[in-house]
Amino acid sequence: QERLVESGGGLVEAGGSLTLSCASSLGTESKEYMGWFRQAPGQEREGVAADFFGGNSSAYLYYHDSVKGRFKLSRDNAANSLYLQMNDLRPEDTAMYYCAADCQPMYTQKGWAPHVQSCRFWGQGTQVTVSS
């Protein structure tokens, strides 16, 4: 069964760090465009970081403005895993974080961004809570 499983969430103080992991059992084509999304209570789900891993271009690398310089997206193909290194965490980063795959990028005024509703595969989510 094709699926994504997240781990690594938890409770951390402001300024702390966490690394989220997403283990994938998807086929190669489904993993070409993957990313991390988050949803806080009462808020819409939003893209946090995403990239197209099917080629060598960095044109599709995306970070939400609020996490630029603090979060880093990476992937280990051998381990079939996607990671999100989160540093200098803030209370406003508190949310359920989801890994998603087989998404479609959309072009915005700020460049390519993941189209949240287009993602075919989703993990169950991992909670990140940042205390002030």
C-alpha atoms as a PDB file:
ATOM      1  CA  GLN A   1       0.000   0.000   0.000  1.00  0.00           C
ATOM      2  CA  GLU A   2       1.382   3.355  -0.973  1.00  0.00           C
ATOM      3  CA  ARG A   3       1.669   5.672   1.985  1.00  0.00           C
ATOM      4  CA  LEU A   4       3.576   8.361   3.850  1.00  0.00           C
ATOM      5  CA  VAL A   5       4.416   8.233   7.557  1.00  0.00           C
ATOM      6  CA  GLU A   6       5.609  11.305   9.440  1.00  0.00           C
ATOM      7  CA  SER A   7       7.552  11.427  12.688  1.00  0.00           C
ATOM      8  CA  GLY A   8       9.640  13.850  14.722  1.00  0.00           C
ATOM      9  CA  GLY A   9       7.070  16.279  16.025  1.00  0.00           C
ATOM     10  CA  GLY A  10       6.883  17.302  19.655  1.00  0.00           C
ATOM     11  CA  LEU A  11       6.895  20.095  22.191  1.00  0.00           C
ATOM     12  CA  VAL A  12       9.804  22.524  22.059  1.00  0.00           C
ATOM     13  CA  GLU A  13      10.572  25.932  23.520  1.00  0.00           C
ATOM     14  CA  ALA A  14      10.822  28.977  21.295  1.00  0.00           C
ATOM     15  CA  GLY A  15      14.225  29.115  19.662  1.00  0.00           C
ATOM     16  CA  GLY A  16      14.561  25.342  19.686  1.00  0.00           C
ATOM     17  CA  SER A  17      14.873  22.896  16.808  1.00  0.00           C
ATOM     18  CA  LEU A  18      13.096  19.822  15.503  1.00  0.00           C
ATOM     19  CA  THR A  19      13.608  17.596  12.496  1.00  0.00           C
ATOM     20  CA  LEU A  20      10.547  16.039  10.889  1.00  0.00           C
ATOM     21  CA  SER A  21      10.880  12.843   8.882  1.00  0.00           C
ATOM     22  CA  CYS A  22       8.569  11.368   6.279  1.00  0.00           C
ATOM     23  CA  ALA A  23       9.020   7.743   5.282  1.00  0.00           C
ATOM     24  CA  SER A  24       7.615   6.950   1.854  1.00  0.00           C
ATOM     25  CA  SER A  25       6.540   3.725   0.219  1.00  0.00           C
ATOM     26  CA  LEU A  26       5.402   5.457  -2.958  1.00  0.00           C
ATOM     27  CA  GLY A  27       6.554   4.692  -6.459  1.00  0.00           C
ATOM     28  CA  THR A  28       9.149   6.883  -8.140  1.00  0.00           C
ATOM     29  CA  GLU A  29       6.728   8.959 -10.208  1.00  0.00           C
ATOM     30  CA  SER A  30       4.566   9.766  -7.192  1.00  0.00           C
ATOM     31  CA  LYS A  31       7.567  11.114  -5.300  1.00  0.00           C
ATOM     32  CA  GLU A  32       8.709  13.623  -7.881  1.00  0.00           C
ATOM     33  CA  TYR A  33       7.030  16.629  -6.220  1.00  0.00           C
ATOM     34  CA  MET A  34       6.883  16.374  -2.441  1.00  0.00           C
ATOM     35  CA  GLY A  35       6.665  18.729   0.426  1.00  0.00           C
ATOM     36  CA  TRP A  36       5.634  19.645   3.929  1.00  0.00           C
ATOM     37  CA  PHE A  37       2.426  21.409   4.809  1.00  0.00           C
ATOM     38  CA  ARG A  38       0.960  22.583   8.092  1.00  0.00           C
ATOM     39  CA  GLN A  39      -2.412  23.393   9.523  1.00  0.00           C
ATOM     40  CA  ALA A  40      -3.058  25.301  12.725  1.00  0.00           C
ATOM     41  CA  PRO A  41      -6.465  25.157  14.453  1.00  0.00           C
ATOM     42  CA  GLY A  42      -8.965  27.296  12.585  1.00  0.00           C
ATOM     43  CA  GLN A  43      -6.522  27.932   9.762  1.00  0.00           C
ATOM     44  CA  GLU A  44      -6.274  26.615   6.227  1.00  0.00           C
ATOM     45  CA  ARG A  45      -3.603  24.115   5.362  1.00  0.00           C
ATOM     46  CA  GLU A  46      -0.589  25.864   3.864  1.00  0.00           C
ATOM     47  CA  GLY A  47       2.593  24.883   2.136  1.00  0.00           C
ATOM     48  CA  VAL A  48       5.750  25.093   4.237  1.00  0.00           C
ATOM     49  CA  ALA A  49       8.443  23.673   1.961  1.00  0.00           C
ATOM     50  CA  ALA A  50       8.362  21.696  -1.259  1.00  0.00           C
ATOM     51  CA  ASP A  51      10.484  20.775  -4.242  1.00  0.00           C
ATOM     52  CA  PHE A  52      10.498  18.853  -7.501  1.00  0.00           C
ATOM     53  CA  PHE A  53      12.892  15.944  -7.148  1.00  0.00           C
ATOM     54  CA  GLY A  54      12.556  14.591 -10.687  1.00  0.00           C
ATOM     55  CA  GLY A  55      15.396  16.651 -12.147  1.00  0.00           C
ATOM     56  CA  ASN A  56      18.335  18.911 -11.354  1.00  0.00           C
ATOM     57  CA  SER A  57      16.558  22.263 -11.447  1.00  0.00           C
ATOM     58  CA  SER A  58      16.129  24.284  -8.257  1.00  0.00           C
ATOM     59  CA  ALA A  59      13.412  26.417  -9.839  1.00  0.00           C
ATOM     60  CA  TYR A  60      10.651  24.592  -7.978  1.00  0.00           C
ATOM     61  CA  LEU A  61      12.172  24.832  -4.500  1.00  0.00           C
ATOM     62  CA  TYR A  62       9.635  26.559  -2.271  1.00  0.00           C
ATOM     63  CA  TYR A  63       9.664  27.868   1.274  1.00  0.00           C
ATOM     64  CA  HIS A  64       6.873  29.802   2.936  1.00  0.00           C
ATOM     65  CA  ASP A  65       8.036  33.357   3.592  1.00  0.00           C
ATOM     66  CA  SER A  66       7.710  32.871   7.338  1.00  0.00           C
ATOM     67  CA  VAL A  67      10.187  29.946   7.424  1.00  0.00           C
ATOM     68  CA  LYS A  68      12.848  31.126   4.998  1.00  0.00           C
ATOM     69  CA  GLY A  69      16.263  30.989   6.597  1.00  0.00           C
ATOM     70  CA  ARG A  70      14.987  28.823   9.467  1.00  0.00           C
ATOM     71  CA  PHE A  71      13.693  25.624   7.836  1.00  0.00           C
ATOM     72  CA  LYS A  72      15.515  23.351   5.417  1.00  0.00           C
ATOM     73  CA  LEU A  73      13.968  20.710   3.174  1.00  0.00           C
ATOM     74  CA  SER A  74      15.987  17.645   2.217  1.00  0.00           C
ATOM     75  CA  ARG A  75      15.494  14.164   0.832  1.00  0.00           C
ATOM     76  CA  ASP A  76      17.361  10.885   1.109  1.00  0.00           C
ATOM     77  CA  ASN A  77      16.459   8.725  -1.879  1.00  0.00           C
ATOM     78  CA  ALA A  78      18.238   5.671  -0.494  1.00  0.00           C
ATOM     79  CA  ALA A  79      16.128   5.875   2.651  1.00  0.00           C
ATOM     80  CA  ASN A  80      12.946   6.844   0.774  1.00  0.00           C
ATOM     81  CA  SER A  81      12.587   9.710   3.205  1.00  0.00           C
ATOM     82  CA  LEU A  82      11.849  13.423   3.165  1.00  0.00           C
ATOM     83  CA  TYR A  83      13.020  15.686   5.984  1.00  0.00           C
ATOM     84  CA  LEU A  84      12.277  19.128   7.328  1.00  0.00           C
ATOM     85  CA  GLN A  85      14.940  20.622   9.581  1.00  0.00           C
ATOM     86  CA  MET A  86      13.298  23.364  11.641  1.00  0.00           C
ATOM     87  CA  ASN A  87      15.468  25.832  13.551  1.00  0.00           C
ATOM     88  CA  ASP A  88      14.692  28.909  15.619  1.00  0.00           C
ATOM     89  CA  LEU A  89      11.138  27.712  16.115  1.00  0.00           C
ATOM     90  CA  ARG A  90       8.500  30.278  17.061  1.00  0.00           C
ATOM     91  CA  PRO A  91       5.099  29.895  18.742  1.00  0.00           C
ATOM     92  CA  GLU A  92       3.452  30.751  15.413  1.00  0.00           C
ATOM     93  CA  ASP A  93       5.006  27.593  13.934  1.00  0.00           C
ATOM     94  CA  THR A  94       2.697  25.525  16.145  1.00  0.00           C
ATOM     95  CA  ALA A  95       0.570  23.319  13.883  1.00  0.00           C
ATOM     96  CA  MET A  96      -0.012  19.804  12.630  1.00  0.00           C
ATOM     97  CA  TYR A  97       2.622  19.138   9.998  1.00  0.00           C
ATOM     98  CA  TYR A  98       1.868  16.887   7.046  1.00  0.00           C
ATOM     99  CA  CYS A  99       4.034  15.291   4.412  1.00  0.00           C
ATOM    100  CA  ALA A 100       2.480  15.129   0.942  1.00  0.00           C
ATOM    101  CA  ALA A 101       3.476  13.763  -2.435  1.00  0.00           C
ATOM    102  CA  ASP A 102       2.457  13.771  -6.072  1.00  0.00           C
ATOM    103  CA  CYS A 103       1.489  17.418  -5.862  1.00  0.00           C
ATOM    104  CA  GLN A 104       1.238  19.935  -8.666  1.00  0.00           C
ATOM    105  CA  PRO A 105       3.224  23.161  -8.505  1.00  0.00           C
ATOM    106  CA  MET A 106       1.486  26.396  -9.404  1.00  0.00           C
ATOM    107  CA  TYR A 107       3.129  29.588 -10.542  1.00  0.00           C
ATOM    108  CA  THR A 108       2.578  32.615  -8.337  1.00  0.00           C
ATOM    109  CA  GLN A 109       3.983  36.144  -8.236  1.00  0.00           C
ATOM    110  CA  LYS A 110       6.692  34.804  -5.928  1.00  0.00           C
ATOM    111  CA  GLY A 111       7.555  31.811  -8.113  1.00  0.00           C
ATOM    112  CA  TRP A 112       6.538  28.181  -8.014  1.00  0.00           C
ATOM    113  CA  ALA A 113       4.506  27.059  -5.007  1.00  0.00           C
ATOM    114  CA  PRO A 114       2.784  23.777  -4.136  1.00  0.00           C
ATOM    115  CA  HIS A 115      -0.923  23.569  -4.909  1.00  0.00           C
ATOM    116  CA  VAL A 116      -2.224  22.141  -1.661  1.00  0.00           C
ATOM    117  CA  GLN A 117      -5.421  20.639  -3.034  1.00  0.00           C
ATOM    118  CA  SER A 118      -3.597  18.837  -5.824  1.00  0.00           C
ATOM    119  CA  CYS A 119      -1.528  16.504  -3.638  1.00  0.00           C
ATOM    120  CA  ARG A 120      -2.600  12.884  -4.079  1.00  0.00           C
ATOM    121  CA  PHE A 121      -0.890  11.345  -1.067  1.00  0.00           C
ATOM    122  CA  TRP A 122      -0.876  12.588   2.513  1.00  0.00           C
ATOM    123  CA  GLY A 123       0.561  11.340   5.753  1.00  0.00           C
ATOM    124  CA  GLN A 124      -1.360  11.292   8.999  1.00  0.00           C
ATOM    125  CA  GLY A 125       0.472  14.324  10.370  1.00  0.00           C
ATOM    126  CA  THR A 126       2.782  15.029  13.293  1.00  0.00           C
ATOM    127  CA  GLN A 127       2.097  17.733  15.865  1.00  0.00           C
ATOM    128  CA  VAL A 128       4.609  20.508  16.462  1.00  0.00           C
ATOM    129  CA  THR A 129       4.003  22.723  19.480  1.00  0.00           C
ATOM    130  CA  VAL A 130       6.288  25.643  20.278  1.00  0.00           C
ATOM    131  CA  SER A 131       5.981  27.219  23.717  1.00  0.00           C
ATOM    132  CA  SER A 132       6.864  30.843  24.358  1.00  0.00           C
END
